Amino acid sequence: MFNLLFAWRIVKEGRVDLWQQFTATVNDNIPLFLCFLVIMPVMAWDAVKFANRVVGPLTRIRRTMSEVASNEPVQLVQLRKDDFLTDTQHDLNLMLLSLEQRGAIQLQNKDEVAVDSRSN
């Protein structure tokens, strides 16, 4: 961002004294830099929270599919309150319950988790 501001000043004023243009660019944009320093941590925190809301469910779904593929006992997928992909969780749990009824897989703690799954 700073490079663009500095380049714009050079284009606008021409190459006169680069150090003077550099210091003028810094001085003219101090409020912008301060706002950037305040907002960047907030944006980074929000990006991490968003990524966790997507990656967490994908990790749980992938682990469940791996357990089904290796013929291990499977737990129904449970997501955190604010996670994304709840529709996929519901559909996968319905599929797991259907497979369990057919005898294709074995569910762990079926009674506890099935109640939680239906409430979502």
C-alpha atoms as a PDB file:
ATOM      1  CA  MET A   1       0.000   0.000   0.000  1.00  0.00           C
ATOM      2  CA  PHE A   2       2.749   2.416   0.927  1.00  0.00           C
ATOM      3  CA  ASN A   3       4.607   1.654  -2.278  1.00  0.00           C
ATOM      4  CA  LEU A   4       1.567   2.706  -4.287  1.00  0.00           C
ATOM      5  CA  LEU A   5       1.269   5.977  -2.384  1.00  0.00           C
ATOM      6  CA  PHE A   6       4.960   6.695  -2.882  1.00  0.00           C
ATOM      7  CA  ALA A   7       4.814   5.738  -6.567  1.00  0.00           C
ATOM      8  CA  TRP A   8       1.789   7.986  -7.054  1.00  0.00           C
ATOM      9  CA  ARG A   9       3.688  10.926  -5.543  1.00  0.00           C
ATOM     10  CA  ILE A  10       6.660  10.261  -7.839  1.00  0.00           C
ATOM     11  CA  VAL A  11       4.383  10.091 -10.893  1.00  0.00           C
ATOM     12  CA  LYS A  12       2.499  13.225  -9.852  1.00  0.00           C
ATOM     13  CA  GLU A  13       5.532  15.339  -8.911  1.00  0.00           C
ATOM     14  CA  GLY A  14       8.226  13.737 -11.040  1.00  0.00           C
ATOM     15  CA  ARG A  15      11.574  12.532  -9.727  1.00  0.00           C
ATOM     16  CA  VAL A  16      12.825  15.582  -7.859  1.00  0.00           C
ATOM     17  CA  ASP A  17      14.278  14.599  -4.491  1.00  0.00           C
ATOM     18  CA  LEU A  18      13.346  11.031  -3.612  1.00  0.00           C
ATOM     19  CA  TRP A  19      14.089  11.371   0.098  1.00  0.00           C
ATOM     20  CA  GLN A  20      11.946  14.495   0.367  1.00  0.00           C
ATOM     21  CA  GLN A  21       9.142  12.779  -1.543  1.00  0.00           C
ATOM     22  CA  PHE A  22       9.435   9.729   0.710  1.00  0.00           C
ATOM     23  CA  THR A  23       9.253  11.729   3.941  1.00  0.00           C
ATOM     24  CA  ALA A  24       6.378  13.830   2.556  1.00  0.00           C
ATOM     25  CA  THR A  25       4.480  10.644   1.681  1.00  0.00           C
ATOM     26  CA  VAL A  26       5.008   9.289   5.193  1.00  0.00           C
ATOM     27  CA  ASN A  27       3.983  12.551   6.844  1.00  0.00           C
ATOM     28  CA  ASP A  28       0.901  12.973   4.643  1.00  0.00           C
ATOM     29  CA  ASN A  29      -0.348   9.473   5.392  1.00  0.00           C
ATOM     30  CA  ILE A  30       0.366   9.023   9.120  1.00  0.00           C
ATOM     31  CA  PRO A  31      -3.387   8.836   9.984  1.00  0.00           C
ATOM     32  CA  LEU A  32      -3.828   6.176   7.314  1.00  0.00           C
ATOM     33  CA  PHE A  33      -0.935   4.134   8.698  1.00  0.00           C
ATOM     34  CA  LEU A  34      -2.279   4.399  12.259  1.00  0.00           C
ATOM     35  CA  CYS A  35      -5.726   3.237  11.158  1.00  0.00           C
ATOM     36  CA  PHE A  36      -4.092   0.388   9.272  1.00  0.00           C
ATOM     37  CA  LEU A  37      -2.158  -0.669  12.396  1.00  0.00           C
ATOM     38  CA  VAL A  38      -5.349  -0.620  14.484  1.00  0.00           C
ATOM     39  CA  ILE A  39      -7.551  -2.426  11.961  1.00  0.00           C
ATOM     40  CA  MET A  40      -5.091  -5.132  10.838  1.00  0.00           C
ATOM     41  CA  PRO A  41      -5.199  -7.195  14.068  1.00  0.00           C
ATOM     42  CA  VAL A  42      -8.997  -7.064  14.041  1.00  0.00           C
ATOM     43  CA  MET A  43      -9.086  -8.215  10.420  1.00  0.00           C
ATOM     44  CA  ALA A  44      -6.583 -10.991  11.135  1.00  0.00           C
ATOM     45  CA  TRP A  45      -8.625 -12.205  14.140  1.00  0.00           C
ATOM     46  CA  ASP A  46     -11.805 -12.209  12.050  1.00  0.00           C
ATOM     47  CA  ALA A  47     -10.079 -14.135   9.248  1.00  0.00           C
ATOM     48  CA  VAL A  48      -8.875 -16.779  11.706  1.00  0.00           C
ATOM     49  CA  LYS A  49     -12.345 -17.152  13.231  1.00  0.00           C
ATOM     50  CA  PHE A  50     -13.907 -17.473   9.771  1.00  0.00           C
ATOM     51  CA  ALA A  51     -11.349 -20.068   8.700  1.00  0.00           C
ATOM     52  CA  ASN A  52     -11.962 -22.097  11.867  1.00  0.00           C
ATOM     53  CA  ARG A  53     -15.708 -22.066  11.214  1.00  0.00           C
ATOM     54  CA  VAL A  54     -15.051 -23.702   7.831  1.00  0.00           C
ATOM     55  CA  VAL A  55     -11.993 -25.863   8.463  1.00  0.00           C
ATOM     56  CA  GLY A  56     -13.256 -27.368  11.735  1.00  0.00           C
ATOM     57  CA  PRO A  57     -16.340 -28.966  10.144  1.00  0.00           C
ATOM     58  CA  LEU A  58     -14.321 -30.142   7.139  1.00  0.00           C
ATOM     59  CA  THR A  59     -11.845 -31.845   9.475  1.00  0.00           C
ATOM     60  CA  ARG A  60     -14.620 -33.598  11.387  1.00  0.00           C
ATOM     61  CA  ILE A  61     -16.353 -34.705   8.193  1.00  0.00           C
ATOM     62  CA  ARG A  62     -13.091 -35.955   6.709  1.00  0.00           C
ATOM     63  CA  ARG A  63     -12.262 -37.911   9.886  1.00  0.00           C
ATOM     64  CA  THR A  64     -15.723 -39.522   9.829  1.00  0.00           C
ATOM     65  CA  MET A  65     -15.376 -40.505   6.171  1.00  0.00           C
ATOM     66  CA  SER A  66     -11.952 -41.991   6.919  1.00  0.00           C
ATOM     67  CA  GLU A  67     -13.429 -44.039   9.786  1.00  0.00           C
ATOM     68  CA  VAL A  68     -16.210 -45.315   7.506  1.00  0.00           C
ATOM     69  CA  ALA A  69     -13.682 -46.246   4.816  1.00  0.00           C
ATOM     70  CA  SER A  70     -11.513 -48.166   7.308  1.00  0.00           C
ATOM     71  CA  ASN A  71     -14.574 -49.960   8.732  1.00  0.00           C
ATOM     72  CA  GLU A  72     -14.086 -48.520  12.245  1.00  0.00           C
ATOM     73  CA  PRO A  73     -16.935 -47.595  14.610  1.00  0.00           C
ATOM     74  CA  VAL A  74     -18.111 -44.099  13.694  1.00  0.00           C
ATOM     75  CA  GLN A  75     -19.533 -41.212  15.678  1.00  0.00           C
ATOM     76  CA  LEU A  76     -22.123 -38.939  14.160  1.00  0.00           C
ATOM     77  CA  VAL A  77     -20.677 -35.579  13.169  1.00  0.00           C
ATOM     78  CA  GLN A  78     -21.161 -32.890  15.795  1.00  0.00           C
ATOM     79  CA  LEU A  79     -20.297 -29.274  15.019  1.00  0.00           C
ATOM     80  CA  ARG A  80     -19.830 -26.253  17.221  1.00  0.00           C
ATOM     81  CA  LYS A  81     -22.653 -23.749  17.604  1.00  0.00           C
ATOM     82  CA  ASP A  82     -21.413 -21.191  15.046  1.00  0.00           C
ATOM     83  CA  ASP A  83     -19.791 -23.538  12.513  1.00  0.00           C
ATOM     84  CA  PHE A  84     -20.637 -23.480   8.838  1.00  0.00           C
ATOM     85  CA  LEU A  85     -21.644 -26.583   6.843  1.00  0.00           C
ATOM     86  CA  THR A  86     -24.458 -27.596   9.204  1.00  0.00           C
ATOM     87  CA  ASP A  87     -26.544 -28.753   6.226  1.00  0.00           C
ATOM     88  CA  THR A  88     -23.726 -31.072   5.195  1.00  0.00           C
ATOM     89  CA  GLN A  89     -23.448 -32.306   8.783  1.00  0.00           C
ATOM     90  CA  HIS A  90     -27.164 -33.107   8.884  1.00  0.00           C
ATOM     91  CA  ASP A  91     -27.058 -34.934   5.533  1.00  0.00           C
ATOM     92  CA  LEU A  92     -23.955 -36.918   6.525  1.00  0.00           C
ATOM     93  CA  ASN A  93     -25.534 -37.916   9.840  1.00  0.00           C
ATOM     94  CA  LEU A  94     -28.684 -39.080   8.036  1.00  0.00           C
ATOM     95  CA  MET A  95     -26.513 -41.150   5.723  1.00  0.00           C
ATOM     96  CA  LEU A  96     -24.615 -42.637   8.674  1.00  0.00           C
ATOM     97  CA  LEU A  97     -27.858 -43.543  10.450  1.00  0.00           C
ATOM     98  CA  SER A  98     -29.155 -45.162   7.264  1.00  0.00           C
ATOM     99  CA  LEU A  99     -25.923 -47.137   6.840  1.00  0.00           C
ATOM    100  CA  GLU A 100     -26.104 -48.221  10.467  1.00  0.00           C
ATOM    101  CA  GLN A 101     -29.680 -49.466  10.018  1.00  0.00           C
ATOM    102  CA  ARG A 102     -28.523 -51.536   7.031  1.00  0.00           C
ATOM    103  CA  GLY A 103     -25.693 -52.990   9.110  1.00  0.00           C
ATOM    104  CA  ALA A 104     -22.971 -51.463   6.945  1.00  0.00           C
ATOM    105  CA  ILE A 105     -21.352 -49.502   9.773  1.00  0.00           C
ATOM    106  CA  GLN A 106     -21.362 -49.421  13.555  1.00  0.00           C
ATOM    107  CA  LEU A 107     -22.037 -46.153  15.398  1.00  0.00           C
ATOM    108  CA  GLN A 108     -20.353 -45.275  18.689  1.00  0.00           C
ATOM    109  CA  ASN A 109     -22.526 -43.865  21.462  1.00  0.00           C
ATOM    110  CA  LYS A 110     -25.484 -43.978  19.100  1.00  0.00           C
ATOM    111  CA  ASP A 111     -28.098 -43.079  21.708  1.00  0.00           C
ATOM    112  CA  GLU A 112     -26.366 -39.935  23.016  1.00  0.00           C
ATOM    113  CA  VAL A 113     -25.267 -38.545  19.661  1.00  0.00           C
ATOM    114  CA  ALA A 114     -28.452 -39.340  17.710  1.00  0.00           C
ATOM    115  CA  VAL A 115     -30.473 -37.119  20.043  1.00  0.00           C
ATOM    116  CA  ASP A 116     -27.993 -34.245  19.575  1.00  0.00           C
ATOM    117  CA  SER A 117     -27.998 -34.731  15.817  1.00  0.00           C
ATOM    118  CA  ARG A 118     -31.776 -34.474  15.536  1.00  0.00           C
ATOM    119  CA  SER A 119     -31.829 -31.203  17.517  1.00  0.00           C
ATOM    120  CA  ASN A 120     -29.690 -29.465  14.857  1.00  0.00           C
END
